[in-house]
PDB file of N, CA and C in Angstrom:
ATOM      1  N   MET A   1     108.568  89.880  90.344  1.00  0.00           N
ATOM      2  CA  MET A   1     107.329  89.294  90.783  1.00  0.00           C
ATOM      3  C   MET A   1     107.046  89.776  92.210  1.00  0.00           C
ATOM      4  N   ILE A   2     105.789  90.065  92.477  1.00  0.00           N
ATOM      5  CA  ILE A   2     105.392  90.490  93.818  1.00  0.00           C
ATOM      6  C   ILE A   2     104.519  89.399  94.435  1.00  0.00           C
ATOM      7  N   ARG A   3     104.931  88.930  95.567  1.00  0.00           N
ATOM      8  CA  ARG A   3     104.134  87.962  96.330  1.00  0.00           C
ATOM      9  C   ARG A   3     103.497  88.713  97.491  1.00  0.00           C
ATOM     10  N   ASN A   4     102.369  88.198  97.981  1.00  0.00           N
ATOM     11  CA  ASN A   4     101.732  88.906  99.082  1.00  0.00           C
ATOM     12  C   ASN A   4     101.147  87.955 100.115  1.00  0.00           C
ATOM     13  N   ARG A   5     100.883  88.532 101.286  1.00  0.00           N
ATOM     14  CA  ARG A   5     100.282  87.805 102.403  1.00  0.00           C
ATOM     15  C   ARG A   5      98.950  88.459 102.786  1.00  0.00           C
ATOM     16  N   MET A   6      98.258  88.990 101.793  1.00  0.00           N
ATOM     17  CA  MET A   6      97.009  89.709 102.041  1.00  0.00           C
ATOM     18  C   MET A   6      95.957  88.820 102.687  1.00  0.00           C
ATOM     19  N   LYS A   7      95.785  87.619 102.165  1.00  0.00           N
ATOM     20  CA  LYS A   7      94.749  86.724 102.673  1.00  0.00           C
ATOM     21  C   LYS A   7      94.983  86.419 104.151  1.00  0.00           C
ATOM     22  N   GLU A   8      96.228  86.183 104.498  1.00  0.00           N
ATOM     23  CA  GLU A   8      96.595  85.902 105.891  1.00  0.00           C
ATOM     24  C   GLU A   8      96.256  87.089 106.800  1.00  0.00           C
ATOM     25  N   HIS A   9      96.605  88.283 106.375  1.00  0.00           N
ATOM     26  CA  HIS A   9      96.325  89.483 107.172  1.00  0.00           C
ATOM     27  C   HIS A   9      94.823  89.772 107.235  1.00  0.00           C
ATOM     28  N   ARG A  10      94.125  89.528 106.139  1.00  0.00           N
ATOM     29  CA  ARG A  10      92.679  89.721 106.114  1.00  0.00           C
ATOM     30  C   ARG A  10      92.003  88.793 107.112  1.00  0.00           C
ATOM     31  N   ALA A  11      92.438  87.535 107.121  1.00  0.00           N
ATOM     32  CA  ALA A  11      91.862  86.541 108.031  1.00  0.00           C
ATOM     33  C   ALA A  11      92.116  86.931 109.489  1.00  0.00           C
ATOM     34  N   ARG A  12      93.301  87.449 109.756  1.00  0.00           N
ATOM     35  CA  ARG A  12      93.658  87.863 111.116  1.00  0.00           C
ATOM     36  C   ARG A  12      92.695  88.922 111.633  1.00  0.00           C
ATOM     37  N   LEU A  13      92.244  89.802 110.729  1.00  0.00           N
ATOM     38  CA  LEU A  13      91.332  90.878 111.113  1.00  0.00           C
ATOM     39  C   LEU A  13      89.862  90.519 110.897  1.00  0.00           C
ATOM     40  N   GLY A  14      89.611  89.322 110.363  1.00  0.00           N
ATOM     41  CA  GLY A  14      88.236  88.905 110.111  1.00  0.00           C
ATOM     42  C   GLY A  14      87.558  89.688 109.005  1.00  0.00           C
ATOM     43  N   LEU A  15      88.343  90.120 108.018  1.00  0.00           N
ATOM     44  CA  LEU A  15      87.801  90.906 106.904  1.00  0.00           C
ATOM     45  C   LEU A  15      87.540  90.023 105.692  1.00  0.00           C
ATOM     46  N   LYS A  16      86.450  90.291 105.000  1.00  0.00           N
ATOM     47  CA  LYS A  16      86.184  89.671 103.707  1.00  0.00           C
ATOM     48  C   LYS A  16      86.859  90.524 102.638  1.00  0.00           C
ATOM     49  N   GLN A  17      87.043  89.949 101.453  1.00  0.00           N
ATOM     50  CA  GLN A  17      87.608  90.718 100.342  1.00  0.00           C
ATOM     51  C   GLN A  17      86.798  91.981 100.113  1.00  0.00           C
ATOM     52  N   GLU A  18      85.508  91.856 100.191  1.00  0.00           N
ATOM     53  CA  GLU A  18      84.603  92.984  99.986  1.00  0.00           C
ATOM     54  C   GLU A  18      84.855  94.097 101.017  1.00  0.00           C
ATOM     55  N   ASP A  19      85.092  93.707 102.264  1.00  0.00           N
ATOM     56  CA  ASP A  19      85.363  94.689 103.327  1.00  0.00           C
ATOM     57  C   ASP A  19      86.647  95.456 103.047  1.00  0.00           C
ATOM     58  N   LEU A  20      87.706  94.710 102.729  1.00  0.00           N
ATOM     59  CA  LEU A  20      88.998  95.339 102.448  1.00  0.00           C
ATOM     60  C   LEU A  20      88.890  96.250 101.232  1.00  0.00           C
ATOM     61  N   ALA A  21      88.209  95.781 100.197  1.00  0.00           N
ATOM     62  CA  ALA A  21      88.041  96.581  98.983  1.00  0.00           C
ATOM     63  C   ALA A  21      87.385  97.917  99.301  1.00  0.00           C
ATOM     64  N   ARG A  22      86.336  97.875 100.092  1.00  0.00           N
ATOM     65  CA  ARG A  22      85.627  99.106 100.465  1.00  0.00           C
ATOM     66  C   ARG A  22      86.560 100.042 101.241  1.00  0.00           C
ATOM     67  N   MET A  23      87.368  99.476 102.124  1.00  0.00           N
ATOM     68  CA  MET A  23      88.252 100.290 102.975  1.00  0.00           C
ATOM     69  C   MET A  23      89.355 100.987 102.187  1.00  0.00           C
ATOM     70  N   VAL A  24      89.800 100.370 101.086  1.00  0.00           N
ATOM     71  CA  VAL A  24      90.897 100.962 100.310  1.00  0.00           C
ATOM     72  C   VAL A  24      90.428 101.569  98.987  1.00  0.00           C
ATOM     73  N   GLY A  25      89.111 101.512  98.719  1.00  0.00           N
ATOM     74  CA  GLY A  25      88.566 102.192  97.554  1.00  0.00           C
ATOM     75  C   GLY A  25      88.736 101.500  96.224  1.00  0.00           C
ATOM     76  N   VAL A  26      88.695 100.154  96.227  1.00  0.00           N
ATOM     77  CA  VAL A  26      88.763  99.393  94.977  1.00  0.00           C
ATOM     78  C   VAL A  26      87.620  98.389  94.950  1.00  0.00           C
ATOM     79  N   ARG A  27      87.480  97.683  93.836  1.00  0.00           N
ATOM     80  CA  ARG A  27      86.453  96.649  93.722  1.00  0.00           C
ATOM     81  C   ARG A  27      86.927  95.357  94.376  1.00  0.00           C
ATOM     82  N   ARG A  28      85.986  94.531  94.784  1.00  0.00           N
ATOM     83  CA  ARG A  28      86.334  93.251  95.402  1.00  0.00           C
ATOM     84  C   ARG A  28      87.176  92.394  94.456  1.00  0.00           C
ATOM     85  N   GLU A  29      86.879  92.466  93.162  1.00  0.00           N
ATOM     86  CA  GLU A  29      87.638  91.693  92.174  1.00  0.00           C
ATOM     87  C   GLU A  29      89.111  92.081  92.174  1.00  0.00           C
ATOM     88  N   THR A  30      89.395  93.348  92.425  1.00  0.00           N
ATOM     89  CA  THR A  30      90.789  93.801  92.489  1.00  0.00           C
ATOM     90  C   THR A  30      91.515  93.118  93.639  1.00  0.00           C
ATOM     91  N   ILE A  31      90.860  93.025  94.790  1.00  0.00           N
ATOM     92  CA  ILE A  31      91.472  92.354  95.940  1.00  0.00           C
ATOM     93  C   ILE A  31      91.715  90.883  95.615  1.00  0.00           C
ATOM     94  N   GLY A  32      90.740  90.226  95.001  1.00  0.00           N
ATOM     95  CA  GLY A  32      90.897  88.827  94.608  1.00  0.00           C
ATOM     96  C   GLY A  32      92.055  88.630  93.646  1.00  0.00           C
ATOM     97  N   ASN A  33      92.161  89.510  92.666  1.00  0.00           N
ATOM     98  CA  ASN A  33      93.258  89.415  91.699  1.00  0.00           C
ATOM     99  C   ASN A  33      94.609  89.688  92.342  1.00  0.00           C
ATOM    100  N   LEU A  34      94.656  90.606  93.283  1.00  0.00           N
ATOM    101  CA  LEU A  34      95.905  90.856  94.015  1.00  0.00           C
ATOM    102  C   LEU A  34      96.319  89.617  94.794  1.00  0.00           C
ATOM    103  N   GLU A  35      95.374  89.026  95.512  1.00  0.00           N
ATOM    104  CA  GLU A  35      95.679  87.852  96.328  1.00  0.00           C
ATOM    105  C   GLU A  35      96.159  86.674  95.491  1.00  0.00           C
ATOM    106  N   LYS A  36      95.650  86.560  94.271  1.00  0.00           N
ATOM    107  CA  LYS A  36      96.039  85.461  93.384  1.00  0.00           C
ATOM    108  C   LYS A  36      97.298  85.775  92.580  1.00  0.00           C
ATOM    109  N   GLY A  37      97.853  86.971  92.751  1.00  0.00           N
ATOM    110  CA  GLY A  37      99.067  87.344  92.031  1.00  0.00           C
ATOM    111  C   GLY A  37      98.833  87.707  90.582  1.00  0.00           C
ATOM    112  N   ARG A  38      97.606  87.976  90.201  1.00  0.00           N
ATOM    113  CA  ARG A  38      97.284  88.341  88.815  1.00  0.00           C
ATOM    114  C   ARG A  38      97.484  89.823  88.548  1.00  0.00           C
ATOM    115  N   TYR A  39      97.658  90.582  89.619  1.00  0.00           N
ATOM    116  CA  TYR A  39      97.714  92.034  89.512  1.00  0.00           C
ATOM    117  C   TYR A  39      98.701  92.549  90.549  1.00  0.00           C
ATOM    118  N   ASN A  40      99.547  93.494  90.165  1.00  0.00           N
ATOM    119  CA  ASN A  40     100.462  94.131  91.100  1.00  0.00           C
ATOM    120  C   ASN A  40      99.881  95.484  91.502  1.00  0.00           C
ATOM    121  N   PRO A  41      99.883  95.762  92.797  1.00  0.00           N
ATOM    122  CA  PRO A  41      99.269  97.012  93.250  1.00  0.00           C
ATOM    123  C   PRO A  41     100.143  98.224  92.960  1.00  0.00           C
ATOM    124  N   SER A  42      99.506  99.368  92.833  1.00  0.00           N
ATOM    125  CA  SER A  42     100.264 100.613  92.790  1.00  0.00           C
ATOM    126  C   SER A  42     100.865 100.816  94.174  1.00  0.00           C
ATOM    127  N   LEU A  43     101.826 101.697  94.279  1.00  0.00           N
ATOM    128  CA  LEU A  43     102.427 101.978  95.575  1.00  0.00           C
ATOM    129  C   LEU A  43     101.385 102.527  96.547  1.00  0.00           C
ATOM    130  N   VAL A  44     100.508 103.382  96.067  1.00  0.00           N
ATOM    131  CA  VAL A  44      99.474 103.968  96.927  1.00  0.00           C
ATOM    132  C   VAL A  44      98.531 102.876  97.438  1.00  0.00           C
ATOM    133  N   LEU A  45      98.116 101.974  96.565  1.00  0.00           N
ATOM    134  CA  LEU A  45      97.222 100.900  96.986  1.00  0.00           C
ATOM    135  C   LEU A  45      97.927  99.978  97.980  1.00  0.00           C
ATOM    136  N   ALA A  46      99.176  99.623  97.718  1.00  0.00           N
ATOM    137  CA  ALA A  46      99.928  98.776  98.657  1.00  0.00           C
ATOM    138  C   ALA A  46     100.036  99.462 100.018  1.00  0.00           C
ATOM    139  N   TRP A  47     100.309 100.750 100.004  1.00  0.00           N
ATOM    140  CA  TRP A  47     100.417 101.536 101.235  1.00  0.00           C
ATOM    141  C   TRP A  47      99.088 101.510 102.009  1.00  0.00           C
ATOM    142  N   ASN A  48      97.991 101.723 101.291  1.00  0.00           N
ATOM    143  CA  ASN A  48      96.674 101.738 101.923  1.00  0.00           C
ATOM    144  C   ASN A  48      96.295 100.378 102.499  1.00  0.00           C
ATOM    145  N   ILE A  49      96.606  99.312 101.783  1.00  0.00           N
ATOM    146  CA  ILE A  49      96.319  97.966 102.270  1.00  0.00           C
ATOM    147  C   ILE A  49      97.122  97.682 103.538  1.00  0.00           C
ATOM    148  N   ALA A  50      98.405  98.003 103.511  1.00  0.00           N
ATOM    149  CA  ALA A  50      99.245  97.795 104.690  1.00  0.00           C
ATOM    150  C   ALA A  50      98.734  98.615 105.873  1.00  0.00           C
ATOM    151  N   ALA A  51      98.273  99.824 105.618  1.00  0.00           N
ATOM    152  CA  ALA A  51      97.743 100.676 106.689  1.00  0.00           C
ATOM    153  C   ALA A  51      96.501 100.059 107.324  1.00  0.00           C
ATOM    154  N   VAL A  52      95.620  99.486 106.512  1.00  0.00           N
ATOM    155  CA  VAL A  52      94.432  98.816 107.052  1.00  0.00           C
ATOM    156  C   VAL A  52      94.861  97.668 107.967  1.00  0.00           C
ATOM    157  N   PHE A  53      95.896  96.935 107.568  1.00  0.00           N
ATOM    158  CA  PHE A  53      96.366  95.807 108.357  1.00  0.00           C
ATOM    159  C   PHE A  53      97.202  96.237 109.559  1.00  0.00           C
ATOM    160  N   GLY A  54      97.642  97.499 109.569  1.00  0.00           N
ATOM    161  CA  GLY A  54      98.442  98.008 110.673  1.00  0.00           C
ATOM    162  C   GLY A  54      99.866  97.496 110.682  1.00  0.00           C
ATOM    163  N   VAL A  55     100.392  97.221 109.470  1.00  0.00           N
ATOM    164  CA  VAL A  55     101.763  96.711 109.329  1.00  0.00           C
ATOM    165  C   VAL A  55     102.474  97.481 108.219  1.00  0.00           C
ATOM    166  N   SER A  56     103.761  97.230 108.056  1.00  0.00           N
ATOM    167  CA  SER A  56     104.514  97.864 106.971  1.00  0.00           C
ATOM    168  C   SER A  56     104.176  97.182 105.642  1.00  0.00           C
ATOM    169  N   ILE A  57     104.456  97.875 104.561  1.00  0.00           N
ATOM    170  CA  ILE A  57     104.239  97.303 103.225  1.00  0.00           C
ATOM    171  C   ILE A  57     105.005  95.993 103.083  1.00  0.00           C
ATOM    172  N   GLU A  58     106.216  95.946 103.620  1.00  0.00           N
ATOM    173  CA  GLU A  58     107.056  94.751 103.506  1.00  0.00           C
ATOM    174  C   GLU A  58     106.452  93.543 104.229  1.00  0.00           C
ATOM    175  N   GLU A  59     105.592  93.793 105.207  1.00  0.00           N
ATOM    176  CA  GLU A  59     104.915  92.696 105.901  1.00  0.00           C
ATOM    177  C   GLU A  59     103.861  92.046 105.016  1.00  0.00           C
ATOM    178  N   VAL A  60     103.366  92.789 104.039  1.00  0.00           N
ATOM    179  CA  VAL A  60     102.300  92.300 103.171  1.00  0.00           C
ATOM    180  C   VAL A  60     102.839  91.875 101.809  1.00  0.00           C
ATOM    181  N   PHE A  61     103.731  92.686 101.232  1.00  0.00           N
ATOM    182  CA  PHE A  61     104.218  92.453  99.873  1.00  0.00           C
ATOM    183  C   PHE A  61     105.720  92.191  99.859  1.00  0.00           C
ATOM    184  N   THR A  62     106.124  91.160  99.101  1.00  0.00           N
ATOM    185  CA  THR A  62     107.530  90.818  98.934  1.00  0.00           C
ATOM    186  C   THR A  62     107.864  90.870  97.450  1.00  0.00           C
ATOM    187  N   VAL A  63     108.903  91.599  97.106  1.00  0.00           N
ATOM    188  CA  VAL A  63     109.332  91.706  95.709  1.00  0.00           C
ATOM    189  C   VAL A  63     110.430  90.686  95.463  1.00  0.00           C
ATOM    190  N   GLU A  64     110.249  89.905  94.406  1.00  0.00           N
ATOM    191  CA  GLU A  64     111.245  88.915  94.023  1.00  0.00           C
ATOM    192  C   GLU A  64     111.641  89.148  92.571  1.00  0.00           C
ATOM    193  N   ALA A  65     112.894  88.915  92.270  1.00  0.00           N
ATOM    194  CA  ALA A  65     113.383  89.085  90.895  1.00  0.00           C
ATOM    195  C   ALA A  65     113.968  87.771  90.401  1.00  0.00           C
ATOM    196  N   GLU A  66     113.744  87.484  89.128  1.00  0.00           N
ATOM    197  CA  GLU A  66     114.291  86.277  88.534  1.00  0.00           C
ATOM    198  C   GLU A  66     115.806  86.436  88.420  1.00  0.00           C
ATOM    199  N   THR A  67     116.559  85.388  88.789  1.00  0.00           N
ATOM    200  CA  THR A  67     118.016  85.487  88.781  1.00  0.00           C
ATOM    201  C   THR A  67     118.689  84.589  87.757  1.00  0.00           C
ATOM    202  N   SER A  68     117.970  83.614  87.204  1.00  0.00           N
ATOM    203  CA  SER A  68     118.598  82.739  86.214  1.00  0.00           C
ATOM    204  C   SER A  68     117.579  82.283  85.189  1.00  0.00           C
ATOM    205  N   GLU A  69     118.082  81.746  84.078  1.00  0.00           N
ATOM    206  CA  GLU A  69     117.162  81.270  83.059  1.00  0.00           C
ATOM    207  C   GLU A  69     116.406  80.027  83.504  1.00  0.00           C
ATOM    208  N   ALA A  70     116.870  79.377  84.561  1.00  0.00           N
ATOM    209  CA  ALA A  70     116.185  78.199  85.082  1.00  0.00           C
ATOM    210  C   ALA A  70     114.906  78.563  85.822  1.00  0.00           C
ATOM    211  N   GLY A  71     114.723  79.877  86.059  1.00  0.00           N
ATOM    212  CA  GLY A  71     113.490  80.311  86.675  1.00  0.00           C
ATOM    213  C   GLY A  71     113.521  80.429  88.177  1.00  0.00           C
ATOM    214  N   SER A  72     114.725  80.355  88.778  1.00  0.00           N
ATOM    215  CA  SER A  72     114.775  80.531  90.227  1.00  0.00           C
ATOM    216  C   SER A  72     114.678  82.025  90.545  1.00  0.00           C
ATOM    217  N   TYR A  73     114.203  82.311  91.719  1.00  0.00           N
ATOM    218  CA  TYR A  73     113.982  83.696  92.132  1.00  0.00           C
ATOM    219  C   TYR A  73     114.749  83.995  93.404  1.00  0.00           C
ATOM    220  N   ARG A  74     115.061  85.270  93.592  1.00  0.00           N
ATOM    221  CA  ARG A  74     115.652  85.694  94.866  1.00  0.00           C
ATOM    222  C   ARG A  74     114.883  86.896  95.370  1.00  0.00           C
ATOM    223  N   SER A  75     114.765  86.998  96.679  1.00  0.00           N
ATOM    224  CA  SER A  75     114.051  88.138  97.276  1.00  0.00           C
ATOM    225  C   SER A  75     114.987  89.300  97.428  1.00  0.00           C
ATOM    226  N   PHE A  76     114.416  90.478  97.380  1.00  0.00           N
ATOM    227  CA  PHE A  76     115.177  91.697  97.633  1.00  0.00           C
ATOM    228  C   PHE A  76     115.031  92.059  99.077  1.00  0.00           C
TER     229      PHE A  76
END
């Protein structure tokens, strides 16, 4: 599972979803779906989003893997 802090970084820069979408070459709906965790970005898209925010990919996206059948997760 990939979690993200896109909304937080967008707010810091005063960007709307539409603004970020235009800057990275996707539709606004894609940004909304990413923020809601409905869609995982390609590596190129994650890289481009992080570049707009001026941070590393790891500052925006966190990868977590399920570790037990109980549904707990651990970060990598």
